[in-house]
Amino acid sequence: MVKQTTLDSWLLQHFSDLLRKGALNVVKTGTPIVLYRNMIEEEEDSHEETVCTLTEGHVIVQVVTSGGVIVPSFQQQFVFTFDQFPDWLMRKSKELLLQCVDFLEEQLK
């Protein structure tokens, strides 16, 4: 159990560092980085999805409804610091956290 806790701590710190490096890239390019998009629900011509974006200073998670005759709208929005987001995402889904780490490592090569 101690080794798992240590590995998780390292992973959270590594992810936090990657977020900071990614934010520097956002500053250079002027374009936020989409860390992930997940479809929550889809009906006929409309859908609801979660979009997670890395900006210059924060990570923003938004639940967006759009499509068909529905005007795009934000159902929920969460704003995290680079230190808060890894813990939140680990509690939500370790698999999604690993996916984000892999994505940022690839983007920042």
PDB file of N, CA and C in Angstrom:
ATOM      1  N   MET A   1       0.824  -1.195   0.000  1.00  0.00           N
ATOM      2  CA  MET A   1       0.000   0.000   0.000  1.00  0.00           C
ATOM      3  C   MET A   1       0.871   1.263   0.000  1.00  0.00           C
ATOM      4  N   VAL A   2       1.987   1.230   0.720  1.00  0.00           N
ATOM      5  CA  VAL A   2       2.870   2.387   0.770  1.00  0.00           C
ATOM      6  C   VAL A   2       3.418   2.693  -0.618  1.00  0.00           C
ATOM      7  N   LYS A   3       3.822   1.651  -1.358  1.00  0.00           N
ATOM      8  CA  LYS A   3       4.353   1.868  -2.707  1.00  0.00           C
ATOM      9  C   LYS A   3       3.298   2.477  -3.610  1.00  0.00           C
ATOM     10  N   GLN A   4       2.035   2.022  -3.502  1.00  0.00           N
ATOM     11  CA  GLN A   4       0.958   2.560  -4.334  1.00  0.00           C
ATOM     12  C   GLN A   4       0.731   4.034  -4.011  1.00  0.00           C
ATOM     13  N   THR A   5       0.728   4.383  -2.738  1.00  0.00           N
ATOM     14  CA  THR A   5       0.553   5.770  -2.335  1.00  0.00           C
ATOM     15  C   THR A   5       1.680   6.630  -2.885  1.00  0.00           C
ATOM     16  N   THR A   6       2.894   6.138  -2.815  1.00  0.00           N
ATOM     17  CA  THR A   6       4.050   6.872  -3.326  1.00  0.00           C
ATOM     18  C   THR A   6       3.950   7.049  -4.837  1.00  0.00           C
ATOM     19  N   LEU A   7       3.559   6.004  -5.543  1.00  0.00           N
ATOM     20  CA  LEU A   7       3.397   6.083  -6.995  1.00  0.00           C
ATOM     21  C   LEU A   7       2.297   7.078  -7.361  1.00  0.00           C
ATOM     22  N   ASP A   8       1.186   7.023  -6.641  1.00  0.00           N
ATOM     23  CA  ASP A   8       0.097   7.968  -6.904  1.00  0.00           C
ATOM     24  C   ASP A   8       0.548   9.403  -6.638  1.00  0.00           C
ATOM     25  N   SER A   9       1.296   9.612  -5.568  1.00  0.00           N
ATOM     26  CA  SER A   9       1.805  10.956  -5.245  1.00  0.00           C
ATOM     27  C   SER A   9       2.723  11.458  -6.353  1.00  0.00           C
ATOM     28  N   TRP A  10       3.601  10.570  -6.829  1.00  0.00           N
ATOM     29  CA  TRP A  10       4.503  10.952  -7.919  1.00  0.00           C
ATOM     30  C   TRP A  10       3.689  11.297  -9.174  1.00  0.00           C
ATOM     31  N   LEU A  11       2.680  10.484  -9.475  1.00  0.00           N
ATOM     32  CA  LEU A  11       1.855  10.708 -10.658  1.00  0.00           C
ATOM     33  C   LEU A  11       1.139  12.051 -10.579  1.00  0.00           C
ATOM     34  N   LEU A  12       0.583  12.372  -9.416  1.00  0.00           N
ATOM     35  CA  LEU A  12      -0.112  13.647  -9.248  1.00  0.00           C
ATOM     36  C   LEU A  12       0.848  14.820  -9.422  1.00  0.00           C
ATOM     37  N   GLN A  13       2.047  14.719  -8.849  1.00  0.00           N
ATOM     38  CA  GLN A  13       3.031  15.787  -8.985  1.00  0.00           C
ATOM     39  C   GLN A  13       3.508  15.910 -10.438  1.00  0.00           C
ATOM     40  N   HIS A  14       3.736  14.776 -11.087  1.00  0.00           N
ATOM     41  CA  HIS A  14       4.154  14.770 -12.492  1.00  0.00           C
ATOM     42  C   HIS A  14       3.090  15.430 -13.374  1.00  0.00           C
ATOM     43  N   PHE A  15       1.838  15.101 -13.131  1.00  0.00           N
ATOM     44  CA  PHE A  15       0.736  15.677 -13.908  1.00  0.00           C
ATOM     45  C   PHE A  15       0.652  17.184 -13.665  1.00  0.00           C
ATOM     46  N   SER A  16       0.798  17.598 -12.424  1.00  0.00           N
ATOM     47  CA  SER A  16       0.781  19.020 -12.096  1.00  0.00           C
ATOM     48  C   SER A  16       1.902  19.756 -12.836  1.00  0.00           C
ATOM     49  N   ASP A  17       3.083  19.158 -12.884  1.00  0.00           N
ATOM     50  CA  ASP A  17       4.214  19.744 -13.624  1.00  0.00           C
ATOM     51  C   ASP A  17       3.914  19.828 -15.117  1.00  0.00           C
ATOM     52  N   LEU A  18       3.307  18.778 -15.664  1.00  0.00           N
ATOM     53  CA  LEU A  18       2.939  18.790 -17.081  1.00  0.00           C
ATOM     54  C   LEU A  18       1.913  19.884 -17.381  1.00  0.00           C
ATOM     55  N   LEU A  19       0.980  20.095 -16.459  1.00  0.00           N
ATOM     56  CA  LEU A  19      -0.009  21.161 -16.652  1.00  0.00           C
ATOM     57  C   LEU A  19       0.672  22.526 -16.712  1.00  0.00           C
ATOM     58  N   ARG A  20       1.648  22.743 -15.845  1.00  0.00           N
ATOM     59  CA  ARG A  20       2.384  24.011 -15.847  1.00  0.00           C
ATOM     60  C   ARG A  20       3.168  24.196 -17.164  1.00  0.00           C
ATOM     61  N   LYS A  21       3.807  23.126 -17.630  1.00  0.00           N
ATOM     62  CA  LYS A  21       4.534  23.194 -18.904  1.00  0.00           C
ATOM     63  C   LYS A  21       3.567  23.437 -20.059  1.00  0.00           C
ATOM     64  N   GLY A  22       2.419  22.768 -20.012  1.00  0.00           N
ATOM     65  CA  GLY A  22       1.410  22.966 -21.045  1.00  0.00           C
ATOM     66  C   GLY A  22       0.888  24.396 -21.052  1.00  0.00           C
ATOM     67  N   ALA A  23       0.752  24.979 -19.866  1.00  0.00           N
ATOM     68  CA  ALA A  23       0.276  26.363 -19.769  1.00  0.00           C
ATOM     69  C   ALA A  23       1.261  27.323 -20.427  1.00  0.00           C
ATOM     70  N   LEU A  24       2.556  27.041 -20.306  1.00  0.00           N
ATOM     71  CA  LEU A  24       3.560  27.871 -20.988  1.00  0.00           C
ATOM     72  C   LEU A  24       3.380  27.782 -22.499  1.00  0.00           C
ATOM     73  N   ASN A  25       3.037  26.599 -22.980  1.00  0.00           N
ATOM     74  CA  ASN A  25       2.776  26.405 -24.403  1.00  0.00           C
ATOM     75  C   ASN A  25       1.531  27.189 -24.825  1.00  0.00           C
ATOM     76  N   VAL A  26       0.527  27.212 -23.961  1.00  0.00           N
ATOM     77  CA  VAL A  26      -0.696  27.979 -24.236  1.00  0.00           C
ATOM     78  C   VAL A  26      -0.366  29.464 -24.353  1.00  0.00           C
ATOM     79  N   VAL A  27       0.492  29.952 -23.479  1.00  0.00           N
ATOM     80  CA  VAL A  27       0.908  31.363 -23.534  1.00  0.00           C
ATOM     81  C   VAL A  27       1.598  31.656 -24.860  1.00  0.00           C
ATOM     82  N   LYS A  28       2.490  30.763 -25.295  1.00  0.00           N
ATOM     83  CA  LYS A  28       3.226  30.967 -26.555  1.00  0.00           C
ATOM     84  C   LYS A  28       2.303  30.960 -27.765  1.00  0.00           C
ATOM     85  N   THR A  29       1.368  29.993 -27.804  1.00  0.00           N
ATOM     86  CA  THR A  29       0.520  29.821 -28.985  1.00  0.00           C
ATOM     87  C   THR A  29      -0.754  30.655 -28.937  1.00  0.00           C
ATOM     88  N   GLY A  30      -1.180  31.026 -27.731  1.00  0.00           N
ATOM     89  CA  GLY A  30      -2.435  31.755 -27.599  1.00  0.00           C
ATOM     90  C   GLY A  30      -3.656  30.861 -27.768  1.00  0.00           C
ATOM     91  N   THR A  31      -3.440  29.547 -27.770  1.00  0.00           N
ATOM     92  CA  THR A  31      -4.538  28.592 -27.968  1.00  0.00           C
ATOM     93  C   THR A  31      -4.599  27.610 -26.803  1.00  0.00           C
ATOM     94  N   PRO A  32      -5.763  27.531 -26.143  1.00  0.00           N
ATOM     95  CA  PRO A  32      -5.914  26.554 -25.054  1.00  0.00           C
ATOM     96  C   PRO A  32      -5.733  25.131 -25.574  1.00  0.00           C
ATOM     97  N   ILE A  33      -5.373  24.222 -24.676  1.00  0.00           N
ATOM     98  CA  ILE A  33      -5.203  22.814 -25.025  1.00  0.00           C
ATOM     99  C   ILE A  33      -6.400  22.047 -24.481  1.00  0.00           C
ATOM    100  N   VAL A  34      -7.087  21.315 -25.357  1.00  0.00           N
ATOM    101  CA  VAL A  34      -8.193  20.470 -24.917  1.00  0.00           C
ATOM    102  C   VAL A  34      -7.593  19.158 -24.404  1.00  0.00           C
ATOM    103  N   LEU A  35      -7.698  18.939 -23.090  1.00  0.00           N
ATOM    104  CA  LEU A  35      -7.138  17.732 -22.479  1.00  0.00           C
ATOM    105  C   LEU A  35      -7.998  16.512 -22.774  1.00  0.00           C
ATOM    106  N   TYR A  36      -9.323  16.685 -22.736  1.00  0.00           N
ATOM    107  CA  TYR A  36     -10.217  15.586 -23.096  1.00  0.00           C
ATOM    108  C   TYR A  36     -11.623  16.094 -23.378  1.00  0.00           C
ATOM    109  N   ARG A  37     -12.361  15.288 -24.119  1.00  0.00           N
ATOM    110  CA  ARG A  37     -13.793  15.500 -24.399  1.00  0.00           C
ATOM    111  C   ARG A  37     -14.473  14.160 -24.190  1.00  0.00           C
ATOM    112  N   ASN A  38     -15.540  14.161 -23.416  1.00  0.00           N
ATOM    113  CA  ASN A  38     -16.297  12.933 -23.190  1.00  0.00           C
ATOM    114  C   ASN A  38     -17.777  13.175 -23.448  1.00  0.00           C
ATOM    115  N   MET A  39     -18.352  12.363 -24.316  1.00  0.00           N
ATOM    116  CA  MET A  39     -19.776  12.442 -24.579  1.00  0.00           C
ATOM    117  C   MET A  39     -20.520  11.852 -23.378  1.00  0.00           C
ATOM    118  N   ILE A  40     -21.442  12.616 -22.831  1.00  0.00           N
ATOM    119  CA  ILE A  40     -22.223  12.150 -21.687  1.00  0.00           C
ATOM    120  C   ILE A  40     -23.529  11.532 -22.167  1.00  0.00           C
ATOM    121  N   GLU A  41     -24.206  12.258 -23.050  1.00  0.00           N
ATOM    122  CA  GLU A  41     -25.507  11.801 -23.530  1.00  0.00           C
ATOM    123  C   GLU A  41     -25.726  12.317 -24.944  1.00  0.00           C
ATOM    124  N   GLU A  42     -26.361  11.486 -25.756  1.00  0.00           N
ATOM    125  CA  GLU A  42     -26.631  11.872 -27.138  1.00  0.00           C
ATOM    126  C   GLU A  42     -28.061  11.461 -27.484  1.00  0.00           C
ATOM    127  N   GLU A  43     -28.842  12.427 -27.966  1.00  0.00           N
ATOM    128  CA  GLU A  43     -30.215  12.172 -28.380  1.00  0.00           C
ATOM    129  C   GLU A  43     -30.466  12.856 -29.709  1.00  0.00           C
ATOM    130  N   GLU A  44     -30.908  12.097 -30.673  1.00  0.00           N
ATOM    131  CA  GLU A  44     -31.204  12.596 -32.010  1.00  0.00           C
ATOM    132  C   GLU A  44     -30.121  13.557 -32.490  1.00  0.00           C
ATOM    133  N   ASP A  45     -30.428  14.857 -32.582  1.00  0.00           N
ATOM    134  CA  ASP A  45     -29.469  15.835 -33.112  1.00  0.00           C
ATOM    135  C   ASP A  45     -28.718  16.600 -32.026  1.00  0.00           C
ATOM    136  N   SER A  46     -28.981  16.300 -30.760  1.00  0.00           N
ATOM    137  CA  SER A  46     -28.333  17.048 -29.690  1.00  0.00           C
ATOM    138  C   SER A  46     -27.464  16.131 -28.833  1.00  0.00           C
ATOM    139  N   HIS A  47     -26.554  16.748 -28.095  1.00  0.00           N
ATOM    140  CA  HIS A  47     -25.683  15.966 -27.220  1.00  0.00           C
ATOM    141  C   HIS A  47     -25.204  16.808 -26.038  1.00  0.00           C
ATOM    142  N   GLU A  48     -24.765  16.104 -25.026  1.00  0.00           N
ATOM    143  CA  GLU A  48     -24.170  16.740 -23.854  1.00  0.00           C
ATOM    144  C   GLU A  48     -22.797  16.123 -23.668  1.00  0.00           C
ATOM    145  N   GLU A  49     -21.794  16.965 -23.490  1.00  0.00           N
ATOM    146  CA  GLU A  49     -20.435  16.458 -23.347  1.00  0.00           C
ATOM    147  C   GLU A  49     -19.661  17.246 -22.308  1.00  0.00           C
ATOM    148  N   THR A  50     -18.624  16.617 -21.794  1.00  0.00           N
ATOM    149  CA  THR A  50     -17.691  17.273 -20.886  1.00  0.00           C
ATOM    150  C   THR A  50     -16.455  17.646 -21.696  1.00  0.00           C
ATOM    151  N   VAL A  51     -16.041  18.903 -21.574  1.00  0.00           N
ATOM    152  CA  VAL A  51     -14.854  19.391 -22.261  1.00  0.00           C
ATOM    153  C   VAL A  51     -13.898  19.938 -21.206  1.00  0.00           C
ATOM    154  N   CYS A  52     -12.674  19.441 -21.205  1.00  0.00           N
ATOM    155  CA  CYS A  52     -11.661  19.864 -20.239  1.00  0.00           C
ATOM    156  C   CYS A  52     -10.561  20.599 -20.986  1.00  0.00           C
ATOM    157  N   THR A  53     -10.309  21.846 -20.592  1.00  0.00           N
ATOM    158  CA  THR A  53      -9.389  22.716 -21.308  1.00  0.00           C
ATOM    159  C   THR A  53      -8.306  23.267 -20.382  1.00  0.00           C
ATOM    160  N   LEU A  54      -7.076  23.233 -20.862  1.00  0.00           N
ATOM    161  CA  LEU A  54      -5.945  23.832 -20.158  1.00  0.00           C
ATOM    162  C   LEU A  54      -5.736  25.236 -20.701  1.00  0.00           C
ATOM    163  N   THR A  55      -5.776  26.235 -19.801  1.00  0.00           N
ATOM    164  CA  THR A  55      -5.560  27.626 -20.199  1.00  0.00           C
ATOM    165  C   THR A  55      -4.243  28.117 -19.601  1.00  0.00           C
ATOM    166  N   GLU A  56      -3.991  29.418 -19.690  1.00  0.00           N
ATOM    167  CA  GLU A  56      -2.750  29.990 -19.179  1.00  0.00           C
ATOM    168  C   GLU A  56      -2.565  29.783 -17.679  1.00  0.00           C
ATOM    169  N   GLY A  57      -3.663  29.781 -16.928  1.00  0.00           N
ATOM    170  CA  GLY A  57      -3.528  29.725 -15.484  1.00  0.00           C
ATOM    171  C   GLY A  57      -4.410  28.720 -14.774  1.00  0.00           C
ATOM    172  N   HIS A  58      -5.281  28.057 -15.519  1.00  0.00           N
ATOM    173  CA  HIS A  58      -6.243  27.153 -14.887  1.00  0.00           C
ATOM    174  C   HIS A  58      -6.592  25.990 -15.809  1.00  0.00           C
ATOM    175  N   VAL A  59      -7.253  25.005 -15.208  1.00  0.00           N
ATOM    176  CA  VAL A  59      -7.876  23.936 -15.977  1.00  0.00           C
ATOM    177  C   VAL A  59      -9.384  24.138 -15.816  1.00  0.00           C
ATOM    178  N   ILE A  60     -10.099  24.161 -16.929  1.00  0.00           N
ATOM    179  CA  ILE A  60     -11.538  24.406 -16.910  1.00  0.00           C
ATOM    180  C   ILE A  60     -12.254  23.163 -17.418  1.00  0.00           C
ATOM    181  N   VAL A  61     -13.203  22.672 -16.618  1.00  0.00           N
ATOM    182  CA  VAL A  61     -14.028  21.530 -16.998  1.00  0.00           C
ATOM    183  C   VAL A  61     -15.446  22.051 -17.172  1.00  0.00           C
ATOM    184  N   GLN A  62     -16.009  21.852 -18.377  1.00  0.00           N
ATOM    185  CA  GLN A  62     -17.339  22.356 -18.679  1.00  0.00           C
ATOM    186  C   GLN A  62     -18.233  21.236 -19.180  1.00  0.00           C
ATOM    187  N   VAL A  63     -19.479  21.248 -18.754  1.00  0.00           N
ATOM    188  CA  VAL A  63     -20.487  20.351 -19.306  1.00  0.00           C
ATOM    189  C   VAL A  63     -21.313  21.202 -20.263  1.00  0.00           C
ATOM    190  N   VAL A  64     -21.272  20.835 -21.552  1.00  0.00           N
ATOM    191  CA  VAL A  64     -21.879  21.631 -22.613  1.00  0.00           C
ATOM    192  C   VAL A  64     -22.991  20.837 -23.284  1.00  0.00           C
ATOM    193  N   THR A  65     -24.129  21.492 -23.506  1.00  0.00           N
ATOM    194  CA  THR A  65     -25.238  20.908 -24.264  1.00  0.00           C
ATOM    195  C   THR A  65     -25.350  21.685 -25.567  1.00  0.00           C
ATOM    196  N   SER A  66     -25.449  20.961 -26.698  1.00  0.00           N
ATOM    197  CA  SER A  66     -25.558  21.637 -27.991  1.00  0.00           C
ATOM    198  C   SER A  66     -26.114  20.684 -29.040  1.00  0.00           C
ATOM    199  N   GLY A  67     -26.353  21.239 -30.223  1.00  0.00           N
ATOM    200  CA  GLY A  67     -26.793  20.442 -31.365  1.00  0.00           C
ATOM    201  C   GLY A  67     -28.253  20.659 -31.695  1.00  0.00           C
ATOM    202  N   GLY A  68     -28.598  20.345 -32.947  1.00  0.00           N
ATOM    203  CA  GLY A  68     -29.989  20.477 -33.390  1.00  0.00           C
ATOM    204  C   GLY A  68     -30.494  21.891 -33.184  1.00  0.00           C
ATOM    205  N   VAL A  69     -31.691  22.005 -32.606  1.00  0.00           N
ATOM    206  CA  VAL A  69     -32.285  23.325 -32.365  1.00  0.00           C
ATOM    207  C   VAL A  69     -31.866  23.897 -31.013  1.00  0.00           C
ATOM    208  N   ILE A  70     -31.045  23.139 -30.276  1.00  0.00           N
ATOM    209  CA  ILE A  70     -30.602  23.588 -28.962  1.00  0.00           C
ATOM    210  C   ILE A  70     -29.448  24.569 -29.109  1.00  0.00           C
ATOM    211  N   VAL A  71     -29.616  25.734 -28.524  1.00  0.00           N
ATOM    212  CA  VAL A  71     -28.536  26.721 -28.501  1.00  0.00           C
ATOM    213  C   VAL A  71     -27.472  26.199 -27.538  1.00  0.00           C
ATOM    214  N   PRO A  72     -26.201  26.194 -27.947  1.00  0.00           N
ATOM    215  CA  PRO A  72     -25.158  25.696 -27.039  1.00  0.00           C
ATOM    216  C   PRO A  72     -25.202  26.409 -25.688  1.00  0.00           C
ATOM    217  N   SER A  73     -25.133  25.623 -24.622  1.00  0.00           N
ATOM    218  CA  SER A  73     -25.165  26.216 -23.286  1.00  0.00           C
ATOM    219  C   SER A  73     -24.294  25.406 -22.340  1.00  0.00           C
ATOM    220  N   PHE A  74     -23.789  26.094 -21.326  1.00  0.00           N
ATOM    221  CA  PHE A  74     -22.962  25.457 -20.309  1.00  0.00           C
ATOM    222  C   PHE A  74     -23.859  25.059 -19.145  1.00  0.00           C
ATOM    223  N   GLN A  75     -23.891  23.764 -18.854  1.00  0.00           N
ATOM    224  CA  GLN A  75     -24.693  23.262 -17.741  1.00  0.00           C
ATOM    225  C   GLN A  75     -23.926  23.351 -16.427  1.00  0.00           C
ATOM    226  N   GLN A  76     -22.622  23.128 -16.495  1.00  0.00           N
ATOM    227  CA  GLN A  76     -21.751  23.217 -15.326  1.00  0.00           C
ATOM    228  C   GLN A  76     -20.390  23.704 -15.786  1.00  0.00           C
ATOM    229  N   GLN A  77     -19.688  24.357 -14.859  1.00  0.00           N
ATOM    230  CA  GLN A  77     -18.325  24.789 -15.153  1.00  0.00           C
ATOM    231  C   GLN A  77     -17.519  24.747 -13.856  1.00  0.00           C
ATOM    232  N   PHE A  78     -16.354  24.087 -13.921  1.00  0.00           N
ATOM    233  CA  PHE A  78     -15.459  23.989 -12.780  1.00  0.00           C
ATOM    234  C   PHE A  78     -14.108  24.567 -13.194  1.00  0.00           C
ATOM    235  N   VAL A  79     -13.518  25.375 -12.325  1.00  0.00           N
ATOM    236  CA  VAL A  79     -12.221  25.979 -12.599  1.00  0.00           C
ATOM    237  C   VAL A  79     -11.253  25.518 -11.509  1.00  0.00           C
ATOM    238  N   PHE A  80     -10.124  24.949 -11.929  1.00  0.00           N
ATOM    239  CA  PHE A  80      -9.140  24.386 -11.002  1.00  0.00           C
ATOM    240  C   PHE A  80      -7.777  25.039 -11.200  1.00  0.00           C
ATOM    241  N   THR A  81      -7.000  25.100 -10.123  1.00  0.00           N
ATOM    242  CA  THR A  81      -5.590  25.464 -10.240  1.00  0.00           C
ATOM    243  C   THR A  81      -4.850  24.218 -10.723  1.00  0.00           C
ATOM    244  N   PHE A  82      -3.589  24.387 -11.071  1.00  0.00           N
ATOM    245  CA  PHE A  82      -2.791  23.249 -11.529  1.00  0.00           C
ATOM    246  C   PHE A  82      -2.525  22.255 -10.408  1.00  0.00           C
ATOM    247  N   ASP A  83      -2.619  22.700  -9.161  1.00  0.00           N
ATOM    248  CA  ASP A  83      -2.430  21.794  -8.019  1.00  0.00           C
ATOM    249  C   ASP A  83      -3.731  21.078  -7.642  1.00  0.00           C
ATOM    250  N   GLN A  84      -4.866  21.730  -7.840  1.00  0.00           N
ATOM    251  CA  GLN A  84      -6.161  21.138  -7.480  1.00  0.00           C
ATOM    252  C   GLN A  84      -6.629  20.083  -8.485  1.00  0.00           C
ATOM    253  N   PHE A  85      -6.413  20.346  -9.766  1.00  0.00           N
ATOM    254  CA  PHE A  85      -6.987  19.488 -10.800  1.00  0.00           C
ATOM    255  C   PHE A  85      -6.523  18.039 -10.747  1.00  0.00           C
ATOM    256  N   PRO A  86      -5.227  17.749 -10.565  1.00  0.00           N
ATOM    257  CA  PRO A  86      -4.823  16.337 -10.527  1.00  0.00           C
ATOM    258  C   PRO A  86      -5.535  15.532  -9.433  1.00  0.00           C
ATOM    259  N   ASP A  87      -5.698  16.123  -8.242  1.00  0.00           N
ATOM    260  CA  ASP A  87      -6.401  15.418  -7.159  1.00  0.00           C
ATOM    261  C   ASP A  87      -7.858  15.166  -7.530  1.00  0.00           C
ATOM    262  N   TRP A  88      -8.509  16.182  -8.081  1.00  0.00           N
ATOM    263  CA  TRP A  88      -9.911  16.049  -8.479  1.00  0.00           C
ATOM    264  C   TRP A  88     -10.068  14.960  -9.543  1.00  0.00           C
ATOM    265  N   LEU A  89      -9.193  14.984 -10.544  1.00  0.00           N
ATOM    266  CA  LEU A  89      -9.292  14.009 -11.622  1.00  0.00           C
ATOM    267  C   LEU A  89      -8.972  12.599 -11.141  1.00  0.00           C
ATOM    268  N   MET A  90      -8.029  12.460 -10.213  1.00  0.00           N
ATOM    269  CA  MET A  90      -7.699  11.149  -9.653  1.00  0.00           C
ATOM    270  C   MET A  90      -8.922  10.548  -8.953  1.00  0.00           C
ATOM    271  N   ARG A  91      -9.651  11.389  -8.218  1.00  0.00           N
ATOM    272  CA  ARG A  91     -10.870  10.898  -7.552  1.00  0.00           C
ATOM    273  C   ARG A  91     -11.959  10.539  -8.564  1.00  0.00           C
ATOM    274  N   LYS A  92     -12.007  11.275  -9.660  1.00  0.00           N
ATOM    275  CA  LYS A  92     -13.023  11.034 -10.692  1.00  0.00           C
ATOM    276  C   LYS A  92     -12.698   9.787 -11.517  1.00  0.00           C
ATOM    277  N   SER A  93     -11.462   9.715 -12.027  1.00  0.00           N
ATOM    278  CA  SER A  93     -11.085   8.602 -12.893  1.00  0.00           C
ATOM    279  C   SER A  93      -9.567   8.551 -13.074  1.00  0.00           C
ATOM    280  N   LYS A  94      -8.955   7.538 -12.503  1.00  0.00           N
ATOM    281  CA  LYS A  94      -7.509   7.393 -12.667  1.00  0.00           C
ATOM    282  C   LYS A  94      -7.164   7.118 -14.127  1.00  0.00           C
ATOM    283  N   GLU A  95      -8.034   6.390 -14.816  1.00  0.00           N
ATOM    284  CA  GLU A  95      -7.814   6.101 -16.231  1.00  0.00           C
ATOM    285  C   GLU A  95      -7.786   7.389 -17.056  1.00  0.00           C
ATOM    286  N   LEU A  96      -8.697   8.295 -16.759  1.00  0.00           N
ATOM    287  CA  LEU A  96      -8.734   9.575 -17.472  1.00  0.00           C
ATOM    288  C   LEU A  96      -7.500  10.410 -17.142  1.00  0.00           C
ATOM    289  N   LEU A  97      -7.050  10.359 -15.901  1.00  0.00           N
ATOM    290  CA  LEU A  97      -5.836  11.062 -15.505  1.00  0.00           C
ATOM    291  C   LEU A  97      -4.640  10.531 -16.298  1.00  0.00           C
ATOM    292  N   LEU A  98      -4.514   9.211 -16.400  1.00  0.00           N
ATOM    293  CA  LEU A  98      -3.409   8.613 -17.159  1.00  0.00           C
ATOM    294  C   LEU A  98      -3.485   8.993 -18.631  1.00  0.00           C
ATOM    295  N   GLN A  99      -4.694   9.061 -19.161  1.00  0.00           N
ATOM    296  CA  GLN A  99      -4.892   9.477 -20.552  1.00  0.00           C
ATOM    297  C   GLN A  99      -4.397  10.915 -20.741  1.00  0.00           C
ATOM    298  N   CYS A 100      -4.715  11.799 -19.800  1.00  0.00           N
ATOM    299  CA  CYS A 100      -4.269  13.198 -19.884  1.00  0.00           C
ATOM    300  C   CYS A 100      -2.752  13.303 -19.765  1.00  0.00           C
ATOM    301  N   VAL A 101      -2.157  12.516 -18.870  1.00  0.00           N
ATOM    302  CA  VAL A 101      -0.696  12.516 -18.722  1.00  0.00           C
ATOM    303  C   VAL A 101      -0.050  12.087 -20.036  1.00  0.00           C
ATOM    304  N   ASP A 102      -0.526  10.996 -20.619  1.00  0.00           N
ATOM    305  CA  ASP A 102       0.021  10.516 -21.899  1.00  0.00           C
ATOM    306  C   ASP A 102      -0.117  11.577 -22.984  1.00  0.00           C
ATOM    307  N   PHE A 103      -1.289  12.207 -23.035  1.00  0.00           N
ATOM    308  CA  PHE A 103      -1.547  13.227 -24.051  1.00  0.00           C
ATOM    309  C   PHE A 103      -0.582  14.397 -23.901  1.00  0.00           C
ATOM    310  N   LEU A 104      -0.419  14.901 -22.671  1.00  0.00           N
ATOM    311  CA  LEU A 104       0.470  16.053 -22.461  1.00  0.00           C
ATOM    312  C   LEU A 104       1.926  15.679 -22.713  1.00  0.00           C
ATOM    313  N   GLU A 105       2.335  14.489 -22.297  1.00  0.00           N
ATOM    314  CA  GLU A 105       3.712  14.070 -22.573  1.00  0.00           C
ATOM    315  C   GLU A 105       3.976  14.067 -24.071  1.00  0.00           C
ATOM    316  N   GLU A 106       3.017  13.607 -24.849  1.00  0.00           N
ATOM    317  CA  GLU A 106       3.156  13.570 -26.313  1.00  0.00           C
ATOM    318  C   GLU A 106       3.174  14.985 -26.893  1.00  0.00           C
ATOM    319  N   GLN A 107       2.294  15.842 -26.407  1.00  0.00           N
ATOM    320  CA  GLN A 107       2.194  17.215 -26.908  1.00  0.00           C
ATOM    321  C   GLN A 107       3.429  18.052 -26.593  1.00  0.00           C
ATOM    322  N   LEU A 108       4.052  17.755 -25.467  1.00  0.00           N
ATOM    323  CA  LEU A 108       5.151  18.611 -25.003  1.00  0.00           C
ATOM    324  C   LEU A 108       6.540  18.068 -25.352  1.00  0.00           C
ATOM    325  N   LYS A 109       6.608  17.077 -26.220  1.00  0.00           N
ATOM    326  CA  LYS A 109       7.914  16.526 -26.644  1.00  0.00           C
ATOM    327  C   LYS A 109       8.708  17.567 -27.390  1.00  0.00           C
TER     328      LYS A 109
END
